[in-house]
Protein backbone atom coordinates (compact mmCIF):
# COMPACT_ATOMS: atom_id res chain seq x y z
CA MET A 1 331.01 183.16 160.14
CA SER A 2 331.31 182.19 163.79
CA SER A 3 330.34 178.85 165.38
CA SER A 4 330.65 177.30 168.84
CA TYR A 5 331.08 173.60 169.64
CA PHE A 6 330.42 172.22 173.10
CA TYR A 7 330.20 168.48 172.55
CA SER A 8 333.14 166.39 173.78
CA ASN A 9 334.19 165.60 170.21
CA GLY A 10 333.36 166.72 166.70
CA LYS A 11 334.51 167.61 163.20
CA ILE A 12 335.02 170.97 161.46
CA THR A 13 335.63 171.89 157.83
CA HIS A 14 336.08 175.22 156.07
CA GLY A 15 332.35 175.22 155.33
CA CYS A 16 332.26 174.32 151.63
CA THR A 17 331.29 170.93 150.23
CA ASN A 18 333.08 169.45 147.19
CA ARG A 19 334.63 172.77 146.23
CA ASN A 20 337.37 175.18 147.26
CA TYR A 21 336.97 177.72 150.03
CA ARG A 22 336.03 181.25 149.05
CA ASN A 23 338.30 184.24 148.65
CA SER A 24 338.26 186.88 151.39
CA SER A 25 336.81 184.52 153.99
CA SER A 26 337.03 184.82 157.77
CA CYS A 27 335.61 181.88 159.73
CA GLU A 28 335.84 181.47 163.51
CA PHE A 29 335.25 178.27 165.49
CA THR A 30 335.23 178.17 169.29
CA LEU A 31 335.73 174.75 170.89
CA ILE A 32 334.32 174.82 174.42
CA PRO A 33 333.35 171.24 175.29
CA ILE A 34 331.30 171.08 178.46
CA GLY A 35 333.35 169.83 181.39
CA ALA A 36 336.59 169.55 179.41
CA THR A 37 340.05 170.18 180.87
CA TRP A 38 341.92 169.40 177.64
CA ILE A 39 341.21 169.42 173.89
CA LYS A 40 343.20 167.74 171.12
CA ILE A 41 342.96 168.65 167.42
CA VAL A 42 343.95 166.37 164.54
CA PHE A 43 343.96 167.62 160.94
CA ASP A 44 343.30 165.22 158.07
CA PRO A 45 346.58 165.46 156.08
CA ASP A 46 344.93 164.28 152.86
CA SER A 47 342.40 167.13 152.99
CA PHE A 48 344.71 169.99 154.05
CA ASP A 49 345.14 172.54 151.24
CA ILE A 50 345.46 176.16 152.39
CA LYS A 51 347.29 178.33 149.89
CA SER A 52 350.14 180.75 150.65
CA GLY A 53 348.70 184.04 151.88
CA ASP A 54 345.82 182.22 153.58
CA TRP A 55 346.07 180.61 157.03
CA ILE A 56 344.40 178.81 159.87
CA ARG A 57 345.38 179.83 163.40
CA ILE A 58 344.85 177.81 166.56
CA TYR A 59 344.69 179.60 169.93
CA ASP A 60 344.69 178.11 173.42
CA GLY A 61 341.77 180.09 174.82
CA TYR A 62 338.25 181.30 174.13
CA ASP A 63 339.26 183.86 171.47
CA ALA A 64 342.23 185.39 169.66
CA ASN A 65 343.48 186.87 172.93
CA GLY A 66 344.63 183.37 173.93
CA THR A 67 348.07 181.89 173.35
CA LEU A 68 348.77 181.22 169.66
CA LEU A 69 349.53 177.51 169.29
CA GLY A 70 350.30 177.73 165.58
CA GLU A 71 349.57 179.27 162.18
CA TYR A 72 349.35 176.78 159.31
CA TYR A 73 349.14 176.67 155.50
CA ASN A 74 350.69 174.57 152.74
CA GLY A 75 354.15 175.94 153.54
CA GLU A 76 353.79 175.26 157.28
CA LEU A 77 351.77 172.11 157.82
CA PRO A 78 350.17 171.38 161.19
CA PRO A 79 351.71 168.73 163.48
CA ASP A 80 350.06 165.36 163.99
CA THR A 81 348.26 166.58 167.15
CA ILE A 82 347.63 170.01 168.64
CA GLU A 83 346.69 170.10 172.32
CA GLY A 84 345.23 172.91 174.40
CA GLY A 85 343.30 173.52 177.57
CA SER A 86 339.55 173.72 178.18
CA ASP A 87 338.90 176.20 175.30
CA ILE A 88 340.42 176.39 171.81
CA PHE A 89 339.78 179.11 169.24
CA VAL A 90 340.23 178.34 165.53
CA HIS A 91 340.40 181.16 162.97
CA PHE A 92 340.52 180.48 159.22
CA TRP A 93 341.28 183.41 156.90
CA SER A 94 341.76 183.72 153.15
CA ASP A 95 342.93 186.59 150.96
CA ALA A 96 341.56 187.65 147.59
CA VAL A 97 344.05 185.68 145.44
CA ALA A 98 344.14 181.86 145.28
CA THR A 99 341.87 179.31 146.96
CA GLY A 100 342.39 175.69 147.94
CA ALA A 101 340.47 172.63 149.08
CA GLY A 102 340.61 173.86 152.70
CA PHE A 103 340.84 171.57 155.72
CA LYS A 104 339.13 168.94 157.79
CA LEU A 105 339.85 168.59 161.48
CA THR A 106 338.62 166.36 164.27
CA TYR A 107 338.73 167.40 167.90
CA TYR A 108 338.64 165.25 171.01
CA SER A 109 338.36 166.17 174.69
CA ASP A 110 337.59 164.81 178.13
CA GLY A 111 334.29 166.69 178.09
CA THR A 112 331.11 165.28 179.58
CA LEU A 113 328.54 166.03 176.85
CA TRP A 114 328.49 163.51 174.01
CA PRO A 115 326.61 164.13 170.77
CA ILE A 116 323.06 162.85 170.43
CA SER A 117 323.22 163.51 166.70
CA SER A 118 326.05 163.90 164.21
CA GLU A 119 326.35 167.65 164.78
CA ASP A 120 324.60 170.55 166.37
CA ILE A 121 323.63 173.27 163.93
CA GLU A 122 324.75 176.84 164.53
CA GLN A 123 321.66 178.38 162.95
CA ASP A 124 321.68 181.88 161.46
CA ASN A 125 317.93 182.33 161.88
CA ILE A 126 318.18 181.96 165.67
CA SER A 127 319.05 185.09 167.61
CA ILE A 128 319.64 185.76 171.31
CA TYR A 129 319.61 189.31 172.62
CA PRO A 130 321.04 190.90 174.54
CA ASN A 131 324.10 188.67 174.63
CA PRO A 132 326.02 189.10 176.91
CA ASN A 133 323.20 189.65 179.41
CA SER A 134 322.53 189.65 183.15
CA GLY A 135 320.30 186.58 183.17
CA ASN A 136 317.29 187.63 181.09
CA PHE A 137 317.26 187.44 177.31
CA THR A 138 314.99 186.93 174.32
CA LEU A 139 315.22 183.90 172.06
CA GLU A 140 313.92 184.42 168.54
CA MET A 141 313.77 182.03 165.61
CA THR A 142 312.28 182.61 162.18
CA ARG A 143 311.20 179.79 159.86
CA ALA A 144 310.68 177.34 162.71
CA GLY A 145 309.60 174.22 160.84
CA PHE A 146 308.40 172.25 163.87
CA ARG A 147 305.50 172.26 166.33
CA LYS A 148 307.43 171.80 169.57
CA ALA A 149 311.02 171.99 170.77
CA GLU A 150 312.80 171.38 174.06
CA LEU A 151 315.02 174.18 175.28
CA GLU A 152 317.97 173.12 177.48
CA ILE A 153 320.67 175.31 179.01
CA TYR A 154 323.93 173.85 180.36
CA SER A 155 326.78 175.20 182.45
CA THR A 156 330.42 174.63 181.45
CA LEU A 157 330.49 171.73 183.93
CA GLY A 158 327.79 169.91 181.97
CA GLN A 159 325.04 170.61 184.50
CA LYS A 160 321.60 171.25 183.05
CA VAL A 161 320.47 174.50 184.69
CA SER A 162 317.24 175.10 182.80
CA SER A 163 314.75 173.18 180.66
CA ARG A 164 311.37 174.05 179.12
CA GLY A 165 309.13 173.38 176.16
CA ILE A 166 309.01 175.84 173.27
CA TYR A 167 305.98 176.13 170.97
CA PRO A 168 306.25 178.24 167.78
CA ILE A 169 303.42 180.59 166.89
CA ASN A 170 302.77 181.13 163.18
CA GLY A 171 306.05 179.44 162.36
CA ALA A 172 308.22 181.64 164.58
CA ILE A 173 309.57 181.77 168.14
CA SER A 174 309.87 184.79 170.41
CA GLU A 175 310.46 183.73 174.03
CA THR A 176 311.72 185.63 177.06
CA ILE A 177 314.10 183.40 179.02
CA GLU A 178 314.96 184.09 182.66
CA MET A 179 318.15 182.75 184.24
CA ASP A 180 318.10 184.74 187.47
CA GLY A 181 320.33 183.53 190.29
CA LEU A 182 322.96 181.86 188.11
CA PRO A 183 326.60 182.94 188.45
CA GLU A 184 328.34 184.89 185.73
CA GLY A 185 329.98 182.86 183.00
CA ILE A 186 329.42 180.96 179.76
CA TYR A 187 326.33 178.80 179.21
CA TYR A 188 325.22 176.63 176.31
CA LEU A 189 321.73 176.70 174.86
CA ARG A 190 320.35 173.77 172.91
CA LEU A 191 317.03 173.81 171.06
CA ILE A 192 316.04 170.21 170.34
CA THR A 193 313.39 169.40 167.73
CA ASN A 194 312.27 166.14 166.17
CA LYS A 195 314.68 166.77 163.27
CA ASN A 196 317.64 168.83 164.48
CA THR A 197 319.46 170.18 167.51
CA TYR A 198 320.40 173.86 167.35
CA SER A 199 323.05 175.44 169.57
CA LYS A 200 324.01 178.89 170.80
CA THR A 201 326.39 180.26 173.43
CA ILE A 202 325.14 182.60 176.16
CA ILE A 203 327.32 184.87 178.29
CA LEU A 204 326.10 186.06 181.68
CA GLU A 205 327.85 189.03 183.20
């Protein structure tokens, strides 16, 4: 499982509700708040339960190629606050032996985009291809349970670079999106409906 977060603040858990995390899990979370120069992570100490052999790693950077800030489990608890730069990569991994209650973390930043709802949803039935791309891509969504959505694309500085209405046909979306003329880099796509806001990351190269 891989998810991206680009609001200025938010919360992350291991993905299970009222039960232990699964064996043989690998979950990745990329914190890339729009306009941020720093990010701080705080774990809830009362909810931290990662068994020996499992771990959560925090990297200062967009992926695991960044600087490792720490690897934590019940035998090596995280500090009160973990601070990084404009991007932080979180990787949770579990083996096939024991499982625990997992973790809950809150992140804060000096980013410019504040949530309009409790959380964006990283939706599995939304696909963007090709990604990375050179400025043109296709957005597809199955099981679109709405009549209209607003598509917004933001730069890492929080600038809205594109906006348009999206109208599903027969309950599905298949739209060609053109972003010609924009510089290479990371962009954030938001699909806003009357019920939810869905998010995806786009890479132009």
